[in-house]
Every structure is written in C-alpha cells, then in structure tokens.
C-alpha cells in the first residue's frame, strides 16, 4: 500500500467524485484504515 502513484490516483478520483475537501477527507480515512489493517 506504499505506492504513491496509486494513492495519488485514489485521491484524485475521490476529489472528482465528492469534491476536493470531502474527497481528500475520505481518501485519508481509507488510507488510515488500510494502513491500520496491514500493521
């Protein structure tokens, strides 16, 4: 999950779908969840 390009693509997709601020918030939450899972 440490692939910056995939993370960036995820964030931009979220931004397009939900608006920038909300998309970034959702992507951040998803990132936190997936990182907590791999730990």
PDB file of N, CA and C in Angstrom:
ATOM      1  N   UNK A   1       0.840  -1.206   0.000  1.00  0.00           N
ATOM      2  CA  UNK A   1       0.000   0.000   0.000  1.00  0.00           C
ATOM      3  C   UNK A   1       0.874   1.254   0.000  1.00  0.00           C
ATOM      4  N   UNK A   2       2.186   1.080  -0.172  1.00  0.00           N
ATOM      5  CA  UNK A   2       3.054   2.235  -0.132  1.00  0.00           C
ATOM      6  C   UNK A   2       3.327   2.822  -1.507  1.00  0.00           C
ATOM      7  N   UNK A   3       2.414   2.583  -2.456  1.00  0.00           N
ATOM      8  CA  UNK A   3       2.634   3.078  -3.814  1.00  0.00           C
ATOM      9  C   UNK A   3       2.057   4.483  -3.961  1.00  0.00           C
ATOM     10  N   UNK A   4       2.922   5.507  -4.024  1.00  0.00           N
ATOM     11  CA  UNK A   4       2.446   6.903  -4.041  1.00  0.00           C
ATOM     12  C   UNK A   4       1.549   7.202  -5.235  1.00  0.00           C
ATOM     13  N   UNK A   5       1.847   6.608  -6.381  1.00  0.00           N
ATOM     14  CA  UNK A   5       1.050   6.888  -7.577  1.00  0.00           C
ATOM     15  C   UNK A   5      -0.369   6.364  -7.415  1.00  0.00           C
ATOM     16  N   UNK A   6      -0.509   5.184  -6.818  1.00  0.00           N
ATOM     17  CA  UNK A   6      -1.851   4.628  -6.608  1.00  0.00           C
ATOM     18  C   UNK A   6      -2.621   5.463  -5.604  1.00  0.00           C
ATOM     19  N   UNK A   7      -1.935   5.907  -4.559  1.00  0.00           N
ATOM     20  CA  UNK A   7      -2.577   6.759  -3.554  1.00  0.00           C
ATOM     21  C   UNK A   7      -3.031   8.067  -4.189  1.00  0.00           C
ATOM     22  N   UNK A   8      -2.165   8.648  -5.019  1.00  0.00           N
ATOM     23  CA  UNK A   8      -2.499   9.909  -5.668  1.00  0.00           C
ATOM     24  C   UNK A   8      -3.691   9.735  -6.595  1.00  0.00           C
ATOM     25  N   UNK A   9      -3.721   8.616  -7.325  1.00  0.00           N
ATOM     26  CA  UNK A   9      -4.837   8.347  -8.231  1.00  0.00           C
ATOM     27  C   UNK A   9      -6.132   8.186  -7.440  1.00  0.00           C
ATOM     28  N   UNK A  10      -6.033   7.506  -6.297  1.00  0.00           N
ATOM     29  CA  UNK A  10      -7.206   7.321  -5.445  1.00  0.00           C
ATOM     30  C   UNK A  10      -7.742   8.669  -4.968  1.00  0.00           C
ATOM     31  N   UNK A  11      -6.826   9.530  -4.538  1.00  0.00           N
ATOM     32  CA  UNK A  11      -7.234  10.843  -4.028  1.00  0.00           C
ATOM     33  C   UNK A  11      -7.886  11.672  -5.129  1.00  0.00           C
ATOM     34  N   UNK A  12      -7.293  11.663  -6.336  1.00  0.00           N
ATOM     35  CA  UNK A  12      -7.883  12.479  -7.404  1.00  0.00           C
ATOM     36  C   UNK A  12      -9.229  11.930  -7.830  1.00  0.00           C
ATOM     37  N   UNK A  13      -9.379  10.607  -7.796  1.00  0.00           N
ATOM     38  CA  UNK A  13     -10.684  10.021  -8.123  1.00  0.00           C
ATOM     39  C   UNK A  13     -11.724  10.435  -7.088  1.00  0.00           C
ATOM     40  N   UNK A  14     -11.336  10.418  -5.823  1.00  0.00           N
ATOM     41  CA  UNK A  14     -12.234  10.832  -4.754  1.00  0.00           C
ATOM     42  C   UNK A  14     -12.597  12.312  -4.891  1.00  0.00           C
ATOM     43  N   UNK A  15     -11.599  13.118  -5.232  1.00  0.00           N
ATOM     44  CA  UNK A  15     -11.842  14.556  -5.390  1.00  0.00           C
ATOM     45  C   UNK A  15     -12.838  14.803  -6.509  1.00  0.00           C
ATOM     46  N   UNK A  16     -12.688  14.055  -7.605  1.00  0.00           N
ATOM     47  CA  UNK A  16     -13.591  14.249  -8.726  1.00  0.00           C
ATOM     48  C   UNK A  16     -15.010  13.825  -8.348  1.00  0.00           C
ATOM     49  N   UNK A  17     -15.095  12.778  -7.541  1.00  0.00           N
ATOM     50  CA  UNK A  17     -16.415  12.222  -7.229  1.00  0.00           C
ATOM     51  C   UNK A  17     -17.129  13.031  -6.154  1.00  0.00           C
ATOM     52  N   UNK A  18     -16.400  13.495  -5.149  1.00  0.00           N
ATOM     53  CA  UNK A  18     -17.057  14.069  -3.964  1.00  0.00           C
ATOM     54  C   UNK A  18     -16.716  15.531  -3.728  1.00  0.00           C
ATOM     55  N   UNK A  19     -15.880  16.112  -4.591  1.00  0.00           N
ATOM     56  CA  UNK A  19     -15.384  17.451  -4.283  1.00  0.00           C
ATOM     57  C   UNK A  19     -14.055  17.347  -3.546  1.00  0.00           C
ATOM     58  N   UNK A  20     -13.224  18.355  -3.698  1.00  0.00           N
ATOM     59  CA  UNK A  20     -11.834  18.236  -3.261  1.00  0.00           C
ATOM     60  C   UNK A  20     -11.718  17.958  -1.769  1.00  0.00           C
ATOM     61  N   UNK A  21     -12.307  18.807  -0.938  1.00  0.00           N
ATOM     62  CA  UNK A  21     -12.109  18.692   0.508  1.00  0.00           C
ATOM     63  C   UNK A  21     -12.666  17.367   1.017  1.00  0.00           C
ATOM     64  N   UNK A  22     -13.889  17.043   0.604  1.00  0.00           N
ATOM     65  CA  UNK A  22     -14.521  15.822   1.081  1.00  0.00           C
ATOM     66  C   UNK A  22     -13.789  14.594   0.542  1.00  0.00           C
ATOM     67  N   UNK A  23     -13.393  14.650  -0.716  1.00  0.00           N
ATOM     68  CA  UNK A  23     -12.672  13.529  -1.311  1.00  0.00           C
ATOM     69  C   UNK A  23     -11.362  13.262  -0.597  1.00  0.00           C
ATOM     70  N   UNK A  24     -10.659  14.335  -0.260  1.00  0.00           N
ATOM     71  CA  UNK A  24      -9.376  14.166   0.426  1.00  0.00           C
ATOM     72  C   UNK A  24      -9.612  13.577   1.814  1.00  0.00           C
ATOM     73  N   UNK A  25     -10.681  14.015   2.465  1.00  0.00           N
ATOM     74  CA  UNK A  25     -11.015  13.504   3.787  1.00  0.00           C
ATOM     75  C   UNK A  25     -11.297  12.003   3.720  1.00  0.00           C
ATOM     76  N   UNK A  26     -12.104  11.605   2.737  1.00  0.00           N
ATOM     77  CA  UNK A  26     -12.453  10.182   2.595  1.00  0.00           C
ATOM     78  C   UNK A  26     -11.235   9.353   2.245  1.00  0.00           C
ATOM     79  N   UNK A  27     -10.390   9.870   1.357  1.00  0.00           N
ATOM     80  CA  UNK A  27      -9.184   9.146   0.979  1.00  0.00           C
ATOM     81  C   UNK A  27      -8.268   8.993   2.192  1.00  0.00           C
ATOM     82  N   UNK A  28      -8.183  10.037   3.010  1.00  0.00           N
ATOM     83  CA  UNK A  28      -7.357   9.976   4.216  1.00  0.00           C
ATOM     84  C   UNK A  28      -7.866   8.916   5.176  1.00  0.00           C
ATOM     85  N   UNK A  29      -9.176   8.831   5.324  1.00  0.00           N
ATOM     86  CA  UNK A  29      -9.763   7.817   6.204  1.00  0.00           C
ATOM     87  C   UNK A  29      -9.483   6.422   5.663  1.00  0.00           C
ATOM     88  N   UNK A  30      -9.693   6.245   4.351  1.00  0.00           N
ATOM     89  CA  UNK A  30      -9.436   4.938   3.749  1.00  0.00           C
ATOM     90  C   UNK A  30      -7.978   4.536   3.900  1.00  0.00           C
ATOM     91  N   UNK A  31      -7.094   5.504   3.751  1.00  0.00           N
ATOM     92  CA  UNK A  31      -5.671   5.250   3.891  1.00  0.00           C
ATOM     93  C   UNK A  31      -5.355   4.818   5.325  1.00  0.00           C
ATOM     94  N   UNK A  32      -5.921   5.519   6.296  1.00  0.00           N
ATOM     95  CA  UNK A  32      -5.677   5.203   7.702  1.00  0.00           C
ATOM     96  C   UNK A  32      -6.174   3.796   8.011  1.00  0.00           C
ATOM     97  N   UNK A  33      -7.349   3.463   7.465  1.00  0.00           N
ATOM     98  CA  UNK A  33      -7.921   2.137   7.721  1.00  0.00           C
ATOM     99  C   UNK A  33      -7.035   1.056   7.123  1.00  0.00           C
ATOM    100  N   UNK A  34      -6.629   1.223   5.866  1.00  0.00           N
ATOM    101  CA  UNK A  34      -5.835   0.189   5.207  1.00  0.00           C
ATOM    102  C   UNK A  34      -4.461   0.067   5.859  1.00  0.00           C
ATOM    103  N   UNK A  35      -3.904   1.184   6.326  1.00  0.00           N
ATOM    104  CA  UNK A  35      -2.598   1.125   6.982  1.00  0.00           C
ATOM    105  C   UNK A  35      -2.717   0.435   8.340  1.00  0.00           C
ATOM    106  N   UNK A  36      -3.824   0.689   9.030  1.00  0.00           N
ATOM    107  CA  UNK A  36      -4.036   0.034  10.321  1.00  0.00           C
ATOM    108  C   UNK A  36      -4.199  -1.472  10.107  1.00  0.00           C
ATOM    109  N   UNK A  37      -4.820  -1.845   8.991  1.00  0.00           N
ATOM    110  CA  UNK A  37      -5.038  -3.265   8.710  1.00  0.00           C
ATOM    111  C   UNK A  37      -3.737  -3.990   8.423  1.00  0.00           C
ATOM    112  N   UNK A  38      -2.832  -3.334   7.688  1.00  0.00           N
ATOM    113  CA  UNK A  38      -1.594  -4.025   7.319  1.00  0.00           C
ATOM    114  C   UNK A  38      -0.634  -4.099   8.495  1.00  0.00           C
ATOM    115  N   UNK A  39      -0.848  -3.295   9.519  1.00  0.00           N
ATOM    116  CA  UNK A  39       0.092  -3.248  10.625  1.00  0.00           C
ATOM    117  C   UNK A  39       0.027  -4.499  11.480  1.00  0.00           C
TER     118      UNK A  39
END
